[in-house]
Amino acid sequence: MLAASLRRRRLQGPTRGERGRVLPGLRTARPGLHRLPDSRRPRVRCASLLALLGFLTLAILAHAQESARVRRAVDGDTILLEDGRRVRYLGINTPEFGEPYSRRAKDLNTALVRGREVRLEFDQESVDSYGRVLAYVHVGPDMINARLVQEGLAHAFFIGPGRRHNDLFLRLQEEAKVRRLGIWSSRGRFKDLKITSVHLPDPAGIDPEQAYIRIACLNSTRMSLAGYILENDAGRQFRFPGVTLDPGYTALVVHAAGVDGIDSRGQLVLHWPGGDSPRTAAGGTSYLRSPDGQLIDTFRYRGRNG
């Protein structure tokens, strides 16, 4: 019944690179082109306008990147700068600790950036909710984010409005799949959907974010989530409605009541009241199953008090 209701409220057909969702979201109007009514305006005004635009462009570009030195790699997709800031690589995600190829991803990241001067390239969001810097990290002519995907040690992972290098990451991901490198090999246990994180409730109430589970689409084409199942330790299940995900994009399943849809950052958000497991405080396991009940992925997490 929910899926039918959501389909009736379907957005206008998605453009390339959008998430392909069928839930209601933010409908953005395409701005029209405004032409000058008089083409005979003085050329000096045009020259002044061009000069101003050029100055603003240079200012924006200068603000969109900076140089820094790396102290160490925290894991495959996070580094610590010498000034104490943590940088989370934009557009990609590497295996979590204990998963196949997590150690190799961290080792490659370490070899490429530790002790080096890097260039941080920013997109539309430069800081996440944890206070980490969000950036594409360059060493000389090489982008480390892209190198990790190219080696099969990371997958495309798109959160928020930034899309500057999405096409590049998807292309490199497909090439790594064809070559069956790293996570795309038999040892990497290739899958189309993956649980990438479990965010637990904060017992102290300091963390403003609600508990959630994030699911990422690793498939090469847009795929429907209809009928897929999330399950917790208590055996409670959440069955996905008729929504779709584009390659690299994610769905957030929040453990609270609410209206399903697209948030202001373009994130697909679904709601699962009662999704918390009794074992959340000590940690536990989340399970992802196909519509026919086959186990696709598991995610073991440690509790905030564990």
Protein backbone atom coordinates (compact mmCIF):
# COMPACT_ATOMS: atom_id res chain seq x y z
CA MET A 1 0.00 0.00 0.00
CA LEU A 2 2.93 2.31 0.83
CA ALA A 3 4.65 1.53 -2.47
CA ALA A 4 1.43 2.26 -4.39
CA SER A 5 1.00 5.56 -2.59
CA LEU A 6 4.58 6.53 -3.29
CA ARG A 7 4.26 5.69 -6.97
CA ARG A 8 1.26 7.98 -7.28
CA ARG A 9 3.49 10.77 -6.01
CA ARG A 10 6.34 10.00 -8.38
CA LEU A 11 8.61 12.87 -9.31
CA GLN A 12 9.18 13.96 -12.84
CA GLY A 13 11.56 11.53 -14.61
CA PRO A 14 15.14 11.67 -13.20
CA THR A 15 18.05 13.10 -15.11
CA ARG A 16 21.35 11.28 -15.54
CA GLY A 17 23.28 11.18 -12.28
CA GLU A 18 20.22 11.58 -10.05
CA ARG A 19 19.23 8.84 -7.68
CA GLY A 20 16.35 7.48 -9.71
CA ARG A 21 14.01 7.54 -6.71
CA VAL A 22 10.25 7.25 -6.87
CA LEU A 23 9.62 8.97 -3.54
CA PRO A 24 8.52 12.60 -3.37
CA GLY A 25 11.42 14.98 -2.97
CA LEU A 26 12.54 18.45 -3.74
CA ARG A 27 11.43 19.50 -7.17
CA THR A 28 13.81 22.08 -8.51
CA ALA A 29 12.81 24.40 -11.31
CA ARG A 30 15.33 24.82 -14.09
CA PRO A 31 16.26 28.49 -14.25
CA GLY A 32 15.51 30.19 -17.51
CA LEU A 33 18.01 32.13 -19.59
CA HIS A 34 17.62 35.87 -19.34
CA ARG A 35 18.71 37.79 -22.41
CA LEU A 36 19.58 41.44 -22.42
CA PRO A 37 16.71 43.34 -24.06
CA ASP A 38 19.05 45.70 -25.89
CA SER A 39 22.01 44.21 -27.73
CA ARG A 40 23.33 47.70 -28.36
CA ARG A 41 24.39 48.31 -24.76
CA PRO A 42 27.85 49.92 -24.41
CA ARG A 43 30.68 47.40 -24.78
CA VAL A 44 32.44 48.89 -21.76
CA ARG A 45 29.70 47.59 -19.48
CA CYS A 46 30.16 44.08 -20.90
CA ALA A 47 33.91 44.30 -20.42
CA SER A 48 33.46 45.41 -16.82
CA LEU A 49 31.03 42.59 -16.16
CA LEU A 50 33.41 40.02 -17.66
CA ALA A 51 36.26 41.35 -15.55
CA LEU A 52 34.13 41.08 -12.40
CA LEU A 53 33.04 37.55 -13.27
CA GLY A 54 36.66 36.58 -13.89
CA PHE A 55 37.69 37.95 -10.48
CA LEU A 56 34.87 36.10 -8.73
CA THR A 57 35.76 32.86 -10.54
CA LEU A 58 39.39 33.09 -9.41
CA ALA A 59 38.26 33.79 -5.85
CA ILE A 60 35.96 30.76 -5.86
CA LEU A 61 38.66 28.50 -7.32
CA ALA A 62 41.16 29.69 -4.74
CA HIS A 63 38.68 28.93 -1.95
CA ALA A 64 37.83 25.51 -3.44
CA GLN A 65 41.26 24.02 -2.75
CA GLU A 66 44.14 24.21 -0.31
CA SER A 67 47.42 22.48 0.44
CA ALA A 68 48.22 20.54 3.60
CA ARG A 69 50.63 17.90 4.89
CA VAL A 70 49.45 14.43 5.92
CA ARG A 71 50.47 12.96 9.27
CA ARG A 72 49.02 9.48 8.69
CA ALA A 73 46.26 7.43 7.11
CA VAL A 74 43.48 6.55 9.56
CA ASP A 75 42.02 3.93 7.23
CA GLY A 76 41.46 3.46 3.50
CA ASP A 77 39.39 6.61 3.00
CA THR A 78 40.35 8.89 5.89
CA ILE A 79 43.57 10.75 6.68
CA LEU A 80 44.84 12.87 9.55
CA LEU A 81 46.56 16.14 8.65
CA GLU A 82 49.46 17.60 10.61
CA ASP A 83 47.19 20.44 11.78
CA GLY A 84 44.91 17.87 13.46
CA ARG A 85 42.06 17.89 10.96
CA ARG A 86 40.61 14.64 9.64
CA VAL A 87 39.83 14.40 5.94
CA ARG A 88 37.22 11.99 4.59
CA TYR A 89 37.69 11.20 0.91
CA LEU A 90 34.73 12.39 -1.16
CA GLY A 91 32.88 10.10 -3.55
CA ILE A 92 34.34 6.78 -2.40
CA ASN A 93 34.12 4.23 0.39
CA THR A 94 36.67 1.58 1.36
CA PRO A 95 36.01 -1.67 3.29
CA GLU A 96 35.50 -1.35 7.04
CA PHE A 97 37.95 -2.87 9.52
CA GLY A 98 37.72 -6.66 9.40
CA GLU A 99 36.20 -6.77 5.91
CA PRO A 100 38.17 -8.21 2.97
CA TYR A 101 40.72 -5.73 1.57
CA SER A 102 40.34 -3.19 4.39
CA ARG A 103 43.99 -3.63 5.37
CA ARG A 104 45.19 -3.40 1.78
CA ALA A 105 43.18 -0.20 1.22
CA LYS A 106 44.73 1.40 4.30
CA ASP A 107 48.23 0.26 3.28
CA LEU A 108 47.88 1.76 -0.21
CA ASN A 109 46.47 4.98 1.20
CA THR A 110 49.39 5.16 3.64
CA ALA A 111 51.96 4.57 0.91
CA LEU A 112 50.46 7.30 -1.27
CA VAL A 113 49.96 10.12 1.26
CA ARG A 114 51.82 9.70 4.56
CA GLY A 115 54.17 12.61 5.20
CA ARG A 116 53.35 14.19 1.85
CA GLU A 117 52.05 17.56 0.82
CA VAL A 118 48.57 17.07 -0.66
CA ARG A 119 46.12 19.31 -2.43
CA LEU A 120 42.58 19.24 -1.05
CA GLU A 121 39.90 19.86 -3.66
CA PHE A 122 36.46 20.67 -2.26
CA ASP A 123 32.98 20.26 -3.68
CA GLN A 124 29.66 21.78 -2.57
CA GLU A 125 30.09 20.51 1.00
CA SER A 126 33.47 20.75 2.69
CA VAL A 127 32.65 19.47 6.20
CA ASP A 128 30.44 16.58 7.35
CA SER A 129 28.31 16.20 10.49
CA TYR A 130 31.30 14.69 12.36
CA GLY A 131 33.47 17.73 11.68
CA ARG A 132 35.64 15.94 9.13
CA VAL A 133 36.87 17.79 6.06
CA LEU A 134 35.38 16.38 2.84
CA ALA A 135 37.75 16.50 -0.12
CA TYR A 136 39.23 14.97 -3.23
CA VAL A 137 42.87 14.46 -2.25
CA HIS A 138 45.64 14.99 -4.82
CA VAL A 139 49.33 14.17 -4.67
CA GLY A 140 50.94 15.80 -7.67
CA PRO A 141 48.86 14.92 -10.74
CA ASP A 142 47.21 11.89 -9.08
CA MET A 143 43.88 11.88 -7.24
CA ILE A 144 44.07 9.35 -4.39
CA ASN A 145 40.28 8.85 -4.32
CA ALA A 146 40.37 7.73 -7.95
CA ARG A 147 43.46 5.54 -7.45
CA LEU A 148 41.75 3.53 -4.70
CA VAL A 149 38.72 2.89 -6.94
CA GLN A 150 41.00 2.02 -9.86
CA GLU A 151 42.80 -0.62 -7.76
CA GLY A 152 39.51 -2.21 -6.65
CA LEU A 153 40.01 -1.10 -3.05
CA ALA A 154 37.08 1.35 -2.92
CA HIS A 155 33.64 1.70 -4.47
CA ALA A 156 31.74 4.77 -5.65
CA PHE A 157 29.86 6.34 -2.74
CA PHE A 158 27.83 9.49 -3.33
CA ILE A 159 26.35 11.44 -0.41
CA GLY A 160 25.29 15.06 -0.54
CA PRO A 161 25.09 17.42 -3.50
CA GLY A 162 28.71 17.14 -4.72
CA ARG A 163 29.00 15.42 -8.11
CA ARG A 164 32.21 16.80 -9.60
CA HIS A 165 33.97 13.45 -10.13
CA ASN A 166 31.08 10.99 -9.95
CA ASP A 167 31.35 9.94 -13.59
CA LEU A 168 35.08 9.28 -13.21
CA PHE A 169 34.59 7.09 -10.14
CA LEU A 170 31.84 5.06 -11.84
CA ARG A 171 33.99 4.53 -14.93
CA LEU A 172 36.99 3.38 -12.90
CA GLN A 173 34.73 1.14 -10.81
CA GLU A 174 33.43 -0.60 -13.93
CA GLU A 175 37.00 -1.14 -15.16
CA ALA A 176 37.98 -2.66 -11.80
CA LYS A 177 34.93 -4.94 -11.93
CA VAL A 178 35.87 -6.20 -15.38
CA ARG A 179 39.38 -6.94 -14.14
CA ARG A 180 37.95 -8.47 -10.93
CA LEU A 181 40.32 -6.48 -8.74
CA GLY A 182 40.15 -6.31 -4.96
CA ILE A 183 36.61 -6.08 -3.62
CA TRP A 184 35.27 -7.19 -7.01
CA SER A 185 37.14 -10.51 -6.83
CA SER A 186 35.71 -13.73 -5.42
CA ARG A 187 37.47 -13.04 -2.10
CA GLY A 188 35.85 -9.61 -1.97
CA ARG A 189 32.40 -11.28 -2.03
CA PHE A 190 30.99 -9.05 -4.78
CA LYS A 191 27.43 -7.83 -4.18
CA ASP A 192 24.98 -5.33 -5.66
CA LEU A 193 23.86 -3.79 -2.36
CA LYS A 194 25.96 -3.23 0.73
CA ILE A 195 25.41 -2.05 4.30
CA THR A 196 28.11 0.60 4.65
CA SER A 197 27.40 1.88 8.17
CA VAL A 198 25.21 1.59 11.25
CA HIS A 199 24.81 4.76 13.31
CA LEU A 200 23.64 3.99 16.84
CA PRO A 201 21.57 6.12 19.21
CA ASP A 202 23.58 8.24 21.62
CA PRO A 203 22.84 7.26 25.26
CA ALA A 204 23.97 10.70 26.44
CA GLY A 205 21.83 12.49 23.88
CA ILE A 206 24.77 14.61 22.70
CA ASP A 207 24.75 13.34 19.13
CA PRO A 208 21.83 15.05 17.34
CA GLU A 209 21.62 12.43 14.58
CA GLN A 210 19.04 9.67 14.81
CA ALA A 211 20.02 6.02 14.62
CA TYR A 212 20.17 4.77 11.05
CA ILE A 213 21.49 2.14 8.65
CA ARG A 214 23.00 3.20 5.32
CA ILE A 215 22.66 1.03 2.20
CA ALA A 216 24.77 1.70 -0.92
CA CYS A 217 24.11 0.61 -4.51
CA LEU A 218 27.18 -1.16 -5.96
CA ASN A 219 25.33 -2.31 -9.04
CA SER A 220 26.34 -1.06 -12.50
CA THR A 221 22.83 0.14 -13.30
CA ARG A 222 19.91 1.64 -11.43
CA MET A 223 18.23 -0.99 -9.29
CA SER A 224 14.95 -1.31 -7.46
CA LEU A 225 14.97 -1.93 -3.70
CA ALA A 226 11.35 -3.09 -3.65
CA GLY A 227 10.98 -6.12 -1.40
CA TYR A 228 14.54 -6.15 -0.03
CA ILE A 229 14.67 -6.68 3.73
CA LEU A 230 16.69 -5.25 6.60
CA GLU A 231 16.72 -7.37 9.75
CA ASN A 232 18.11 -6.76 13.22
CA ASP A 233 19.23 -9.07 16.05
CA ALA A 234 15.74 -9.18 17.51
CA GLY A 235 14.35 -10.56 14.25
CA ARG A 236 12.47 -7.36 13.41
CA GLN A 237 12.33 -6.70 9.69
CA PHE A 238 12.03 -3.66 7.46
CA ARG A 239 10.87 -4.28 3.89
CA PHE A 240 11.90 -1.62 1.38
CA PRO A 241 9.12 0.09 -0.59
CA GLY A 242 9.25 0.64 -4.37
CA VAL A 243 12.26 2.94 -4.48
CA THR A 244 15.29 2.85 -6.75
CA LEU A 245 18.96 3.76 -6.41
CA ASP A 246 21.45 4.83 -9.04
CA PRO A 247 24.98 3.35 -8.93
CA GLY A 248 26.99 4.80 -6.07
CA TYR A 249 24.04 6.41 -4.27
CA THR A 250 22.68 5.44 -0.88
CA ALA A 251 19.48 5.00 1.09
CA LEU A 252 19.27 5.93 4.76
CA VAL A 253 16.92 3.82 6.90
CA VAL A 254 16.21 5.84 10.06
CA HIS A 255 15.01 4.15 13.24
CA ALA A 256 12.14 6.56 13.80
CA ALA A 257 8.71 7.47 12.53
CA GLY A 258 8.55 9.99 9.74
CA VAL A 259 7.66 10.72 6.13
CA ASP A 260 9.79 8.92 3.55
CA GLY A 261 11.35 11.11 0.89
CA ILE A 262 14.37 13.10 -0.23
CA ASP A 263 15.98 15.50 2.23
CA SER A 264 17.53 18.90 1.52
CA ARG A 265 20.88 17.29 0.63
CA GLY A 266 19.32 14.98 -1.93
CA GLN A 267 19.56 11.94 0.36
CA LEU A 268 16.89 9.24 0.11
CA VAL A 269 15.54 8.74 3.66
CA LEU A 270 13.22 5.91 4.73
CA HIS A 271 11.80 5.30 8.20
CA TRP A 272 11.71 2.15 10.31
CA PRO A 273 9.98 2.76 13.67
CA GLY A 274 11.06 0.13 16.16
CA GLY A 275 14.13 -0.78 14.15
CA ASP A 276 16.45 -0.55 17.16
CA SER A 277 17.71 -3.87 18.44
CA PRO A 278 17.77 -4.64 22.19
CA ARG A 279 21.51 -5.28 21.73
CA THR A 280 22.29 -1.87 20.30
CA ALA A 281 24.09 -0.61 23.42
CA ALA A 282 26.52 -3.54 23.36
CA GLY A 283 26.68 -3.87 19.58
CA GLY A 284 25.18 -6.40 17.22
CA THR A 285 24.60 -7.32 13.59
CA SER A 286 22.39 -5.97 10.83
CA TYR A 287 21.33 -8.23 7.96
CA LEU A 288 20.31 -7.41 4.40
CA ARG A 289 18.21 -9.95 2.51
CA SER A 290 16.90 -10.20 -1.04
CA PRO A 291 13.13 -10.23 -1.66
CA ASP A 292 13.21 -14.05 -1.63
CA GLY A 293 14.96 -14.11 1.76
CA GLN A 294 18.52 -14.84 0.62
CA LEU A 295 21.21 -13.26 2.81
CA ILE A 296 23.10 -10.60 0.81
CA ASP A 297 25.16 -8.76 3.41
CA THR A 298 25.84 -8.55 7.14
CA PHE A 299 27.27 -5.67 9.13
CA ARG A 300 28.66 -6.21 12.62
CA TYR A 301 28.92 -3.11 14.74
CA ARG A 302 30.18 -2.19 18.17
CA GLY A 303 27.88 -0.40 20.57
CA ARG A 304 28.54 3.09 21.88
CA ASN A 305 29.03 1.55 25.32
CA GLY A 306 30.80 -1.55 24.00
